[in-house]
Amino acid sequence: MLHSIQQHRERYAGVLIAVIGLGAIAESATYGLGTMAAIGPGAFPLAMGVILLACGLGIGLSEAPAADAHDHDRVDLSRPEWRGWACIIGGMLAFLLLARTAGLFPATFACVFLSAMGDRTSTVRGASLLATLIAAFGCALFYYGLHIQLPPFAWGQS
């Protein structure tokens, strides 16, 4: 069973991505698409669903390379990677807790930093640099570019 999963993992990943894309397409149908002049809330989930579906089908239907090409890529599936799971979930929880109280920049920084620390090869310096760059880019894009209502810093605001 484990050998079968390792041998066809690209196909399983492609099918999973395609199913997630179908779910996004189905969910977007519950929202209005709007028009080209005034795009509605369902347009983005629909576009992302179509992209995910196409990527999933491309991955799932592609010819898998020979089994010996993946020998260097073997993963031990018998032991869960608890550190990675804890750091990624902790990063998402930190974003949820900090977004309204501290602002977009600190919440994004905490999310990316904690999630990056889930990788055993990551250093504190590397994770800090990555988190700073992504938080700055996220603030520039979402607050200044797209004008979302979450301020970059919310210290002292009620």
Protein backbone atom coordinates (compact mmCIF):
# COMPACT_ATOMS: atom_id res chain seq x y z
CA MET A 1 0.00 0.00 0.00
CA LEU A 2 2.75 2.45 0.98
CA HIS A 3 4.71 1.62 -2.18
CA SER A 4 1.59 2.30 -4.27
CA ILE A 5 1.10 5.71 -2.65
CA GLN A 6 4.74 6.68 -3.23
CA GLN A 7 4.63 5.45 -6.82
CA HIS A 8 1.50 7.43 -7.75
CA ARG A 9 1.72 10.41 -5.40
CA GLU A 10 1.78 12.94 -8.27
CA ARG A 11 -1.50 11.58 -9.57
CA TYR A 12 -3.09 11.63 -6.13
CA ALA A 13 -1.88 15.20 -5.62
CA GLY A 14 -3.29 16.20 -9.01
CA VAL A 15 -6.65 14.65 -8.20
CA LEU A 16 -6.72 16.41 -4.82
CA ILE A 17 -5.90 19.78 -6.42
CA ALA A 18 -8.62 19.22 -9.07
CA VAL A 19 -11.19 18.34 -6.36
CA ILE A 20 -10.32 21.51 -4.43
CA GLY A 21 -10.72 23.48 -7.67
CA LEU A 22 -14.14 21.92 -8.27
CA GLY A 23 -15.12 22.85 -4.73
CA ALA A 24 -14.08 26.46 -5.31
CA ILE A 25 -16.06 26.55 -8.56
CA ALA A 26 -19.12 25.13 -6.81
CA GLU A 27 -18.82 27.62 -3.95
CA SER A 28 -18.39 30.55 -6.36
CA ALA A 29 -21.78 29.71 -7.85
CA THR A 30 -23.40 30.84 -4.59
CA TYR A 31 -22.04 34.37 -5.11
CA GLY A 32 -22.74 36.83 -7.88
CA LEU A 33 -20.17 37.05 -10.66
CA GLY A 34 -21.03 40.65 -11.52
CA THR A 35 -19.95 42.26 -14.79
CA MET A 36 -16.57 43.17 -16.26
CA ALA A 37 -17.09 46.76 -15.07
CA ALA A 38 -18.14 45.73 -11.56
CA ILE A 39 -16.75 42.29 -10.71
CA GLY A 40 -18.76 40.49 -8.06
CA PRO A 41 -17.53 38.42 -5.08
CA GLY A 42 -17.85 35.12 -6.98
CA ALA A 43 -15.41 36.02 -9.77
CA PHE A 44 -12.20 35.41 -7.82
CA PRO A 45 -13.19 32.00 -6.40
CA LEU A 46 -14.37 30.99 -9.87
CA ALA A 47 -11.07 32.03 -11.48
CA MET A 48 -9.02 30.29 -8.78
CA GLY A 49 -11.17 27.18 -9.07
CA VAL A 50 -10.66 27.01 -12.83
CA ILE A 51 -6.89 27.49 -12.40
CA LEU A 52 -6.72 24.81 -9.70
CA LEU A 53 -8.82 22.43 -11.78
CA ALA A 54 -6.59 22.92 -14.83
CA CYS A 55 -3.40 22.49 -12.79
CA GLY A 56 -4.77 19.43 -11.02
CA LEU A 57 -5.76 17.81 -14.29
CA GLY A 58 -2.38 18.64 -15.77
CA ILE A 59 -0.55 17.09 -12.84
CA GLY A 60 -2.88 14.12 -12.54
CA LEU A 61 -2.86 13.24 -16.22
CA SER A 62 0.84 13.79 -16.84
CA GLU A 63 3.05 10.78 -17.37
CA ALA A 64 4.82 9.96 -14.11
CA PRO A 65 8.61 9.61 -14.34
CA ALA A 66 10.29 6.28 -13.70
CA ALA A 67 10.30 5.07 -10.10
CA ASP A 68 14.10 5.27 -9.79
CA ALA A 69 14.02 8.99 -10.57
CA HIS A 70 12.31 9.55 -7.21
CA ASP A 71 14.70 7.52 -5.08
CA HIS A 72 16.30 10.70 -3.72
CA ASP A 73 12.85 12.05 -2.94
CA ARG A 74 11.67 9.30 -0.58
CA VAL A 75 9.65 10.51 2.39
CA ASP A 76 9.20 8.61 5.62
CA LEU A 77 5.41 8.50 5.93
CA SER A 78 5.47 6.40 9.09
CA ARG A 79 6.33 9.34 11.41
CA PRO A 80 4.26 12.53 11.27
CA GLU A 81 6.14 15.82 11.18
CA TRP A 82 4.59 17.35 14.32
CA ARG A 83 6.85 20.41 14.36
CA GLY A 84 5.74 21.44 10.88
CA TRP A 85 2.08 20.88 11.67
CA ALA A 86 2.29 22.83 14.95
CA CYS A 87 4.17 25.76 13.40
CA ILE A 88 1.85 26.11 10.41
CA ILE A 89 -1.30 25.90 12.53
CA GLY A 90 0.28 28.27 15.06
CA GLY A 91 1.06 30.71 12.26
CA MET A 92 -2.54 30.73 11.07
CA LEU A 93 -3.82 31.18 14.62
CA ALA A 94 -1.37 34.04 15.19
CA PHE A 95 -2.66 35.80 12.08
CA LEU A 96 -6.26 35.39 13.24
CA LEU A 97 -5.47 36.71 16.71
CA LEU A 98 -3.25 39.62 15.63
CA ALA A 99 -5.00 40.90 12.50
CA ARG A 100 -7.61 43.08 14.22
CA THR A 101 -5.62 43.98 17.32
CA ALA A 102 -2.13 44.60 15.89
CA GLY A 103 -2.69 45.14 12.18
CA LEU A 104 -1.87 43.52 8.86
CA PHE A 105 1.94 43.81 9.06
CA PRO A 106 2.45 42.20 12.51
CA ALA A 107 -0.15 39.52 11.78
CA THR A 108 1.44 38.61 8.46
CA PHE A 109 4.92 38.70 9.98
CA ALA A 110 3.89 36.35 12.80
CA CYS A 111 2.11 33.98 10.41
CA VAL A 112 5.04 33.69 7.99
CA PHE A 113 7.71 33.56 10.72
CA LEU A 114 6.00 30.82 12.72
CA SER A 115 5.18 28.82 9.61
CA ALA A 116 8.77 29.10 8.33
CA MET A 117 10.08 27.79 11.63
CA GLY A 118 8.24 24.53 10.91
CA ASP A 119 11.07 23.65 8.53
CA ARG A 120 13.93 22.08 10.49
CA THR A 121 16.50 23.68 8.17
CA SER A 122 15.12 27.20 8.66
CA THR A 123 17.08 29.69 10.75
CA VAL A 124 15.63 32.49 12.86
CA ARG A 125 17.44 35.04 10.68
CA GLY A 126 16.16 33.52 7.44
CA ALA A 127 12.60 33.23 8.77
CA SER A 128 12.71 36.85 10.00
CA LEU A 129 13.91 38.13 6.64
CA LEU A 130 11.29 36.12 4.77
CA ALA A 131 8.54 37.27 7.13
CA THR A 132 9.58 40.94 6.86
CA LEU A 133 9.64 40.88 3.06
CA ILE A 134 6.32 39.08 2.74
CA ALA A 135 4.64 41.30 5.35
CA ALA A 136 5.89 44.44 3.56
CA PHE A 137 4.75 43.12 0.17
CA GLY A 138 1.39 42.06 1.65
CA CYS A 139 0.79 45.51 3.15
CA ALA A 140 1.76 47.24 -0.08
CA LEU A 141 -0.48 44.98 -2.13
CA PHE A 142 -3.52 44.58 0.07
CA TYR A 143 -3.71 47.85 2.00
CA TYR A 144 -2.24 50.36 -0.41
CA GLY A 145 -2.94 48.57 -3.70
CA LEU A 146 -6.30 46.89 -3.11
CA HIS A 147 -7.49 49.17 -0.26
CA ILE A 148 -8.67 46.49 2.14
CA GLN A 149 -9.98 47.78 5.44
CA LEU A 150 -7.28 46.17 7.63
CA PRO A 151 -4.66 48.82 8.51
CA PRO A 152 -0.96 47.89 8.44
CA PHE A 153 -0.62 48.78 12.14
CA ALA A 154 -3.54 49.02 14.54
CA TRP A 155 -1.79 49.95 17.78
CA GLY A 156 -4.04 52.10 19.92
CA GLN A 157 -6.95 52.09 17.45
CA SER A 158 -10.33 51.03 18.73
